[in-house]
Protein backbone atom coordinates (compact mmCIF):
# COMPACT_ATOMS: atom_id res chain seq x y z
CA THR A 1 28.09 14.23 -19.17
CA GLN A 2 24.50 14.37 -17.95
CA THR A 3 23.24 12.04 -14.68
CA PRO A 4 21.06 9.53 -15.12
CA THR A 5 18.05 10.29 -13.04
CA GLN A 6 16.79 6.79 -11.01
CA ALA A 7 13.21 6.09 -11.19
CA PRO A 8 11.81 6.19 -7.32
CA THR A 9 11.97 2.78 -5.52
CA ALA A 10 8.65 1.69 -4.60
CA GLN A 11 7.31 1.28 -1.14
CA ALA A 12 6.76 -2.26 -0.67
CA ALA A 13 2.80 -2.64 0.40
CA ASP A 14 1.22 -4.08 3.29
CA ALA A 15 -1.63 -5.35 3.12
CA ALA A 16 -4.10 -5.70 6.97
CA ALA A 17 -7.01 -7.60 7.79
CA THR A 18 -9.14 -6.20 10.84
CA GLY A 19 -12.37 -6.49 12.21
CA SER A 20 -15.17 -5.83 14.82
CA VAL A 21 -18.31 -7.48 16.34
CA GLY A 22 -21.61 -5.84 16.84
CA GLY A 23 -25.27 -7.24 17.62
CA SER A 24 -26.48 -10.21 20.03
CA ARG A 25 -26.74 -13.40 19.55
CA PRO A 26 -28.48 -15.14 17.73
CA ASN A 27 -27.87 -12.41 15.55
CA TRP A 28 -24.27 -10.58 14.88
CA ASP A 29 -22.85 -7.80 12.18
CA VAL A 30 -19.32 -9.33 11.37
CA VAL A 31 -16.81 -5.94 9.81
CA VAL A 32 -13.86 -6.76 8.09
CA THR A 33 -11.37 -3.84 6.76
CA VAL A 34 -9.49 -4.56 4.50
CA SER A 35 -5.65 -2.30 4.29
CA GLY A 36 -3.40 -2.14 2.13
CA LEU A 37 -4.57 -2.91 -1.00
CA THR A 38 -4.15 0.37 -3.28
CA GLY A 39 -3.82 -0.20 -6.14
CA SER A 40 -3.93 -3.90 -5.87
CA THR A 41 -5.63 -6.69 -5.36
CA GLY A 42 -6.40 -9.36 -2.67
CA THR A 43 -8.48 -12.18 -2.10
CA LEU A 44 -10.26 -12.23 1.92
CA THR A 45 -11.68 -15.85 3.37
CA VAL A 46 -13.66 -15.62 6.24
CA VAL A 47 -15.22 -18.97 7.93
CA ALA A 48 -17.07 -18.55 10.50
CA THR A 49 -17.22 -22.00 12.10
CA GLY A 50 -20.37 -23.19 14.30
CA ALA A 51 -22.56 -20.55 12.61
CA ASP A 52 -26.04 -21.84 11.58
CA ALA A 53 -26.21 -19.39 8.16
CA VAL A 54 -23.47 -16.67 6.94
CA SER A 55 -24.33 -13.49 4.98
CA THR A 56 -23.54 -10.60 3.03
CA THR A 57 -25.52 -8.58 0.37
CA ASP A 58 -21.49 -7.63 -1.08
CA LYS A 59 -21.37 -8.79 -4.70
CA ARG A 60 -17.74 -8.89 -4.55
CA CYS A 61 -18.14 -11.95 -2.51
CA ASP A 62 -19.75 -16.16 -3.03
CA VAL A 63 -21.02 -17.14 0.69
CA ALA A 64 -20.88 -21.30 1.17
CA ARG A 65 -22.40 -22.45 4.46
CA GLN A 66 -20.09 -21.25 6.86
CA THR A 67 -17.58 -19.44 4.31
CA VAL A 68 -17.88 -15.88 2.46
CA THR A 69 -14.26 -15.32 -0.30
CA CYS A 70 -14.34 -11.35 -1.79
CA GLN A 71 -12.64 -11.12 -4.23
CA LEU A 72 -10.97 -7.50 -3.56
CA THR A 73 -9.74 -4.37 -5.33
CA GLY A 74 -7.99 -1.94 -3.50
CA ASP A 75 -8.84 -1.40 0.53
CA ALA A 76 -11.94 -2.43 1.58
CA SER A 77 -14.75 -3.10 4.46
CA ILE A 78 -17.05 -6.45 3.89
CA THR A 79 -20.57 -6.84 5.76
CA LEU A 80 -21.42 -9.95 7.04
CA ARG A 81 -24.66 -11.32 9.01
CA VAL A 82 -23.91 -14.46 11.03
CA VAL A 83 -26.91 -16.22 13.10
CA ASP A 84 -25.76 -18.06 15.97
CA GLY A 85 -28.33 -19.78 17.68
CA GLN A 86 -26.36 -21.84 20.32
CA GLY A 87 -22.71 -19.72 20.25
CA SER A 88 -18.88 -19.75 20.89
CA THR A 89 -19.28 -19.89 16.41
CA GLN A 90 -15.57 -19.33 16.44
CA VAL A 91 -15.02 -16.03 13.38
CA SER A 92 -11.71 -15.97 11.38
CA ALA A 93 -10.06 -14.14 8.62
CA SER A 94 -7.59 -14.28 6.32
CA LEU A 95 -6.16 -12.16 4.19
CA ASP A 96 -4.37 -13.42 0.45
CA PRO A 97 -3.07 -10.18 -1.11
CA ALA A 98 -1.52 -10.33 -4.87
CA GLY A 99 2.17 -9.60 -5.09
CA SER A 100 4.00 -8.72 -2.07
CA ASP A 101 3.39 -8.27 1.91
CA THR A 102 5.83 -6.46 3.99
CA ASP A 103 3.75 -8.38 7.08
CA ALA A 104 2.14 -10.68 6.59
CA GLY A 105 1.18 -11.62 9.93
CA ASN A 106 -1.21 -8.95 10.91
CA ASN A 107 -2.68 -10.32 7.68
CA ASP A 108 -5.46 -12.16 9.76
CA TRP A 109 -8.06 -11.28 12.35
CA HIS A 110 -10.87 -14.14 15.00
CA ALA A 111 -12.83 -13.30 16.82
CA VAL A 112 -15.22 -15.64 18.98
CA LEU A 113 -19.42 -14.94 19.62
CA ASP A 114 -20.92 -15.81 22.30
């Protein structure tokens, strides 16, 4: 008799969002990096509360006032220019991956621009 073979069990994905900030007031460069989306998709939403303006040249993203929404396929880095003349802008990035995620607690990143 033959033993049936089993398909390998797929590893559940652990999508994550991290970020970094460079520059100084009033012009900040914010880079949000998404990992763990290999072979999958997700939506990244970045909100810059208190910013004078937010922009990106990334074609995967739409900008609406202080909010940037990006439709991603696979891992990616998104660069934003945040203009903050007053200081204390709060930047929050949130990743919503399609499918399961083994650790949803690492899908958010925050920074305060002073």
